Protein backbone atom coordinates (compact mmCIF):
# COMPACT_ATOMS: atom_id res chain seq x y z
CA MET A 1 143.70 124.72 -46.47
CA LEU A 2 145.65 121.57 -45.60
CA ALA A 3 148.70 123.67 -44.72
CA LEU A 4 146.56 125.78 -42.36
CA ILE A 5 145.24 122.65 -40.63
CA ALA A 6 148.69 121.09 -40.35
CA PHE A 7 150.69 124.15 -39.28
CA GLY A 8 147.97 126.29 -37.65
CA PRO A 9 148.41 124.79 -34.14
CA ALA A 10 152.20 125.21 -34.42
CA VAL A 11 151.83 128.92 -35.25
CA LEU A 12 149.35 129.30 -32.38
CA ALA A 13 151.83 127.67 -29.98
CA ILE A 14 154.53 130.16 -31.00
CA VAL A 15 152.16 133.11 -30.54
CA ILE A 16 151.14 131.91 -27.07
CA ALA A 17 154.77 131.51 -26.03
CA VAL A 18 155.63 135.03 -27.23
CA VAL A 19 152.61 136.61 -25.50
CA LEU A 20 153.34 134.81 -22.22
CA ALA A 21 157.02 135.78 -22.39
CA LEU A 22 156.15 139.45 -22.89
CA THR A 23 153.55 139.35 -20.11
CA LEU A 24 155.67 137.55 -17.51
CA GLY A 25 158.71 139.58 -18.46
CA LYS A 26 157.03 142.65 -17.00
CA LYS A 27 155.43 141.05 -13.93
CA SER A 28 157.76 138.25 -12.79
CA LYS A 29 161.38 137.86 -11.75
CA PRO A 30 163.73 136.39 -14.41
CA GLY A 31 164.61 133.34 -12.28
CA LYS A 32 161.00 132.37 -11.67
CA SER A 33 160.01 132.95 -15.31
CA ALA A 34 162.99 130.93 -16.52
CA VAL A 35 161.95 127.94 -14.39
CA ILE A 36 158.31 128.15 -15.52
CA PHE A 37 159.16 128.34 -19.21
CA SER A 38 161.80 125.62 -18.94
CA ILE A 39 159.35 123.19 -17.30
CA VAL A 40 156.72 123.87 -19.98
CA ALA A 41 159.38 123.46 -22.69
CA LEU A 42 160.46 120.15 -21.14
CA ALA A 43 156.86 118.91 -21.16
CA PHE A 44 156.39 119.73 -24.85
CA GLY A 45 159.82 118.28 -25.64
CA ILE A 46 158.85 114.99 -24.01
CA LEU A 47 155.55 114.97 -25.94
CA PHE A 48 157.40 115.41 -29.23
CA PHE A 49 159.98 112.81 -28.20
CA VAL A 50 157.26 110.25 -27.44
CA SER A 51 155.48 110.96 -30.75
CA GLU A 52 158.74 110.28 -32.61
CA ILE A 53 159.54 107.06 -30.77
CA TYR A 54 155.97 105.74 -30.77
CA PRO A 55 154.26 107.23 -33.87
CA PHE A 56 150.47 107.24 -33.90
CA GLU A 57 150.09 105.24 -37.08
CA TYR A 58 146.75 104.75 -38.79
CA LYS A 59 145.25 101.40 -37.76
CA GLY A 60 141.86 101.68 -39.44
CA GLU A 61 140.41 99.88 -42.43
CA GLY A 62 142.53 99.50 -45.57
CA GLY A 63 141.58 99.91 -49.20
CA ILE A 64 140.90 102.78 -51.58
CA ASP A 65 137.69 103.80 -49.77
CA TYR A 66 139.69 104.57 -46.63
CA ILE A 67 142.65 106.43 -48.14
CA GLY A 68 141.01 109.79 -47.35
CA GLN A 69 140.45 108.70 -43.77
CA ALA A 70 144.09 107.66 -43.46
CA LEU A 71 145.25 111.01 -44.92
CA VAL A 72 143.11 112.96 -42.43
CA TRP A 73 144.57 110.88 -39.61
CA GLY A 74 148.11 111.57 -40.86
CA ILE A 75 147.48 115.33 -41.10
CA ALA A 76 146.01 115.42 -37.57
CA VAL A 77 148.92 113.49 -36.08
CA ASN A 78 151.52 115.62 -37.88
CA SER A 79 149.69 118.75 -36.74
CA ILE A 80 150.10 117.65 -33.11
CA ARG A 81 153.77 116.84 -33.68
CA TYR A 82 154.49 120.19 -35.36
CA ALA A 83 152.65 122.03 -32.58
CA ALA A 84 154.61 120.17 -29.88
CA LEU A 85 157.92 120.91 -31.58
CA ALA A 86 157.05 124.57 -32.17
CA ALA A 87 155.90 124.97 -28.56
CA TYR A 88 159.05 123.28 -27.27
CA VAL A 89 161.41 125.51 -29.25
CA SER A 90 159.42 128.68 -28.44
CA PHE A 91 159.25 128.04 -24.69
CA ALA A 92 162.89 126.88 -24.60
CA VAL A 93 164.03 130.10 -26.29
CA ALA A 94 161.92 132.18 -23.89
CA ALA A 95 163.33 130.23 -20.93
CA THR A 96 166.84 130.87 -22.23
CA VAL A 97 166.23 134.62 -22.42
CA PHE A 98 165.03 134.70 -18.80
CA ALA A 99 167.80 132.30 -17.71
CA VAL A 100 170.49 134.58 -19.14
CA LYS A 101 169.04 137.47 -17.12
CA ALA A 102 168.89 135.25 -14.02
CA LEU A 103 172.55 134.26 -14.41
CA LYS A 104 173.56 137.88 -13.95
CA GLU A 105 172.25 137.90 -10.37
CA LYS A 106 174.00 135.82 -7.72
CA ASP A 107 170.81 134.78 -5.88
CA THR A 108 169.07 133.60 -9.08
CA ARG A 109 172.11 132.09 -10.84
CA LYS A 110 171.20 128.55 -9.76
CA LYS A 111 167.70 128.86 -11.24
CA GLY A 112 169.23 130.13 -14.47
CA VAL A 113 171.54 127.13 -14.79
CA ILE A 114 168.75 124.65 -13.97
CA SER A 115 166.45 126.34 -16.46
CA LEU A 116 169.02 126.10 -19.26
CA ILE A 117 169.52 122.40 -18.58
CA LEU A 118 165.77 121.67 -18.45
CA SER A 119 165.17 123.74 -21.60
CA TRP A 120 167.72 122.15 -23.87
CA ILE A 121 168.20 118.59 -22.65
CA CYS A 122 165.28 117.54 -24.86
CA GLY A 123 166.66 119.68 -27.68
CA ILE A 124 169.86 117.65 -27.81
CA VAL A 125 167.86 114.40 -27.88
CA ILE A 126 165.46 115.76 -30.50
CA VAL A 127 168.33 116.87 -32.79
CA CYS A 128 169.83 113.37 -32.52
CA ILE A 129 166.43 111.82 -33.31
CA ILE A 130 165.88 114.10 -36.31
CA ILE A 131 169.32 113.29 -37.74
CA THR A 132 168.74 109.58 -37.14
CA ASN A 133 165.30 109.77 -38.77
CA ILE A 134 166.67 111.56 -41.83
CA VAL A 135 169.26 108.82 -42.33
CA ALA A 136 166.72 106.06 -41.62
CA ASP A 137 164.17 107.62 -43.99
CA LYS A 138 166.73 107.79 -46.80
CA ASN A 139 167.70 104.15 -46.25
CA TYR A 140 164.02 103.17 -46.07
CA LYS A 141 163.27 104.76 -49.45
CA LYS A 142 166.36 103.18 -51.01
CA SER A 143 165.10 99.79 -49.81
CA ILE A 144 162.08 100.06 -52.13
CA ARG A 145 162.85 99.15 -55.74
CA ILE A 146 160.63 99.81 -58.77
CA GLU A 147 161.16 98.26 -62.19
CA VAL A 148 159.28 98.73 -65.46
CA LYS A 149 158.63 95.18 -66.70
CA GLU A 150 156.50 95.95 -69.75
CA VAL A 151 155.20 98.91 -71.78
CA SER A 152 152.57 97.78 -74.29
CA GLN A 153 150.15 99.56 -76.57
CA VAL A 154 146.57 98.37 -75.99
CA THR A 155 143.02 99.55 -76.56
CA ASP A 156 140.94 100.87 -73.68
CA THR A 157 137.25 100.28 -73.03
CA GLU A 158 136.37 103.30 -75.21
CA SER A 159 138.27 101.77 -78.17
CA ASP A 160 140.95 104.46 -77.93
CA PRO A 161 144.71 103.72 -77.99
CA ALA A 162 146.23 103.31 -74.55
CA VAL A 163 149.45 102.17 -72.94
CA LEU A 164 149.70 99.39 -70.40
CA ILE A 165 152.61 99.71 -67.98
CA MET A 166 153.58 96.80 -65.77
CA PHE A 167 155.60 97.77 -62.71
CA GLU A 168 157.26 95.48 -60.23
CA ILE A 169 157.75 96.79 -56.72
CA TYR A 170 160.14 95.10 -54.29
CA ASN A 171 159.78 95.77 -50.57
CA GLY A 172 163.21 95.69 -48.98
CA THR A 173 162.01 97.44 -45.83
CA LYS A 174 161.05 95.81 -42.55
CA ARG A 175 157.35 96.68 -42.70
CA ASP A 176 154.36 96.29 -45.01
CA ILE A 177 154.04 98.91 -47.72
CA MET A 178 151.57 99.86 -50.47
CA TYR A 179 152.55 101.09 -53.92
CA GLN A 180 149.83 103.76 -53.79
CA THR A 181 151.18 105.41 -50.64
CA SER A 182 154.90 104.79 -51.28
CA VAL A 183 155.34 105.79 -54.92
CA TYR A 184 154.16 108.83 -56.88
CA THR A 185 153.75 107.87 -60.54
CA GLU A 186 153.49 110.33 -63.43
CA VAL A 187 153.30 109.34 -67.09
CA SER A 188 153.61 111.92 -69.86
CA GLN A 189 153.94 112.21 -73.63
CA ASN A 190 155.51 115.07 -75.56
CA GLY A 191 155.91 117.01 -72.30
CA LYS A 192 152.26 116.70 -71.28
CA GLU A 193 150.85 114.37 -68.66
CA ILE A 194 148.54 111.58 -69.82
CA TYR A 195 145.85 110.17 -67.59
CA HIS A 196 144.44 106.88 -66.44
CA THR A 197 142.00 104.87 -68.49
CA THR A 198 140.43 101.43 -68.13
CA VAL A 199 141.22 98.29 -70.09
CA ASP A 200 139.33 95.01 -70.19
CA GLY A 201 140.88 91.99 -68.51
CA TRP A 202 143.79 91.78 -66.08
CA LYS A 203 141.46 91.15 -63.15
CA GLU A 204 144.25 89.53 -61.15
CA TYR A 205 146.00 92.92 -60.94
CA GLU A 206 142.93 94.91 -59.92
CA ASP A 207 143.61 97.22 -56.96
CA ALA A 208 147.14 95.76 -56.64
CA ASP A 209 148.51 99.22 -55.88
CA ILE A 210 146.47 99.46 -52.65
CA LYS A 211 147.32 95.99 -51.38
CA TYR A 212 150.10 95.49 -48.85
CA VAL A 213 153.44 94.08 -49.98
CA LYS A 214 155.20 92.12 -47.27
CA PRO A 215 158.87 92.73 -46.40
CA GLY A 216 161.14 90.83 -48.76
CA SER A 217 158.32 90.33 -51.28
CA SER A 218 157.50 91.71 -54.72
CA ALA A 219 154.23 92.62 -56.42
CA VAL A 220 153.21 93.43 -59.99
CA ILE A 221 151.29 96.66 -60.51
CA ARG A 222 149.31 97.37 -63.68
CA LYS A 223 148.53 100.91 -64.77
CA THR A 224 146.90 102.02 -68.02
CA TYR A 225 146.93 105.48 -69.59
CA LYS A 226 145.19 106.95 -72.64
CA LEU A 227 147.68 107.73 -75.39
CA LYS A 228 147.71 111.09 -77.15
CA ASP A 229 150.27 110.04 -79.77
CA THR A 230 150.70 106.39 -80.77
CA SER A 231 154.11 107.04 -82.30
CA ALA A 232 155.69 108.96 -79.41
CA PRO A 233 157.42 107.37 -76.42
CA VAL A 234 156.01 107.77 -72.93
CA LYS A 235 158.03 109.24 -70.10
CA ILE A 236 157.64 107.42 -66.79
CA LEU A 237 158.50 109.14 -63.54
CA CYS A 238 158.31 107.24 -60.26
CA ARG A 239 159.46 108.99 -57.11
CA THR A 240 158.58 109.54 -53.49
CA TYR A 241 155.72 111.93 -52.76
CA GLY A 242 158.19 114.37 -51.25
CA GLY A 243 160.25 114.27 -54.45
CA ASP A 244 163.47 113.59 -52.56
CA TYR A 245 164.13 110.16 -54.09
CA THR A 246 163.55 109.02 -57.68
CA TYR A 247 163.02 105.37 -58.60
CA ILE A 248 162.44 105.68 -62.35
CA ASP A 249 162.86 108.58 -64.78
CA GLY A 250 163.02 107.51 -68.41
CA GLU A 251 161.30 107.22 -71.76
CA TYR A 252 159.78 104.00 -73.11
CA LYS A 253 158.34 103.19 -76.54
CA PRO A 254 155.12 101.18 -76.29
CA LYS A 255 155.41 97.89 -78.21
């Protein structure tokens, strides 16, 4: 469902471009069609370019009660970006097809050349931006450091054995971050995931994972999980949500 919401407009943009290209291809001259499609492609290219340079970040309320609202905002914004990029590429390709036909005729050759320039000038910029963003994103993720400070066996509020894991997150980036939105944490035992439980005390660490960590600062995060086997080690996996960078992947024996 989320994929449909995020990529639906992008698919629709491609379909519209194809339908218009087929329709105008039968009724209009190649030179005129090339110019029309190149101008539309340029418009969508600029829209995508602006969204990359000035991202529409969520500025609403913070806290766990607003995480869903922030996620919906992120999906909506990404949907617009994907649609703009898909529309740009689709219309640019259509403009190129008509431009190639226009180049074959002497009286429409100029329109063909102009159309090719208008169609792909944004493409060159967008490719440069994408490459730059990939490098910047990798450096951004490497600037966040996670350490396991303590792994202790405790008793939860239901008097069952549990494990208390103390993480320390360091923000080496240039903007505020939250552990909850920056790090995906999975704890398992004997190959099976174990789940959160509650433990008395430690009020000072309550909701620490949804509080902002300033650039250059560190924060301690407490997480507790119900143990299935008090004698087996726990495996801790901390990575980015996309899975492209791993911070921690190891086994620890609760003390």
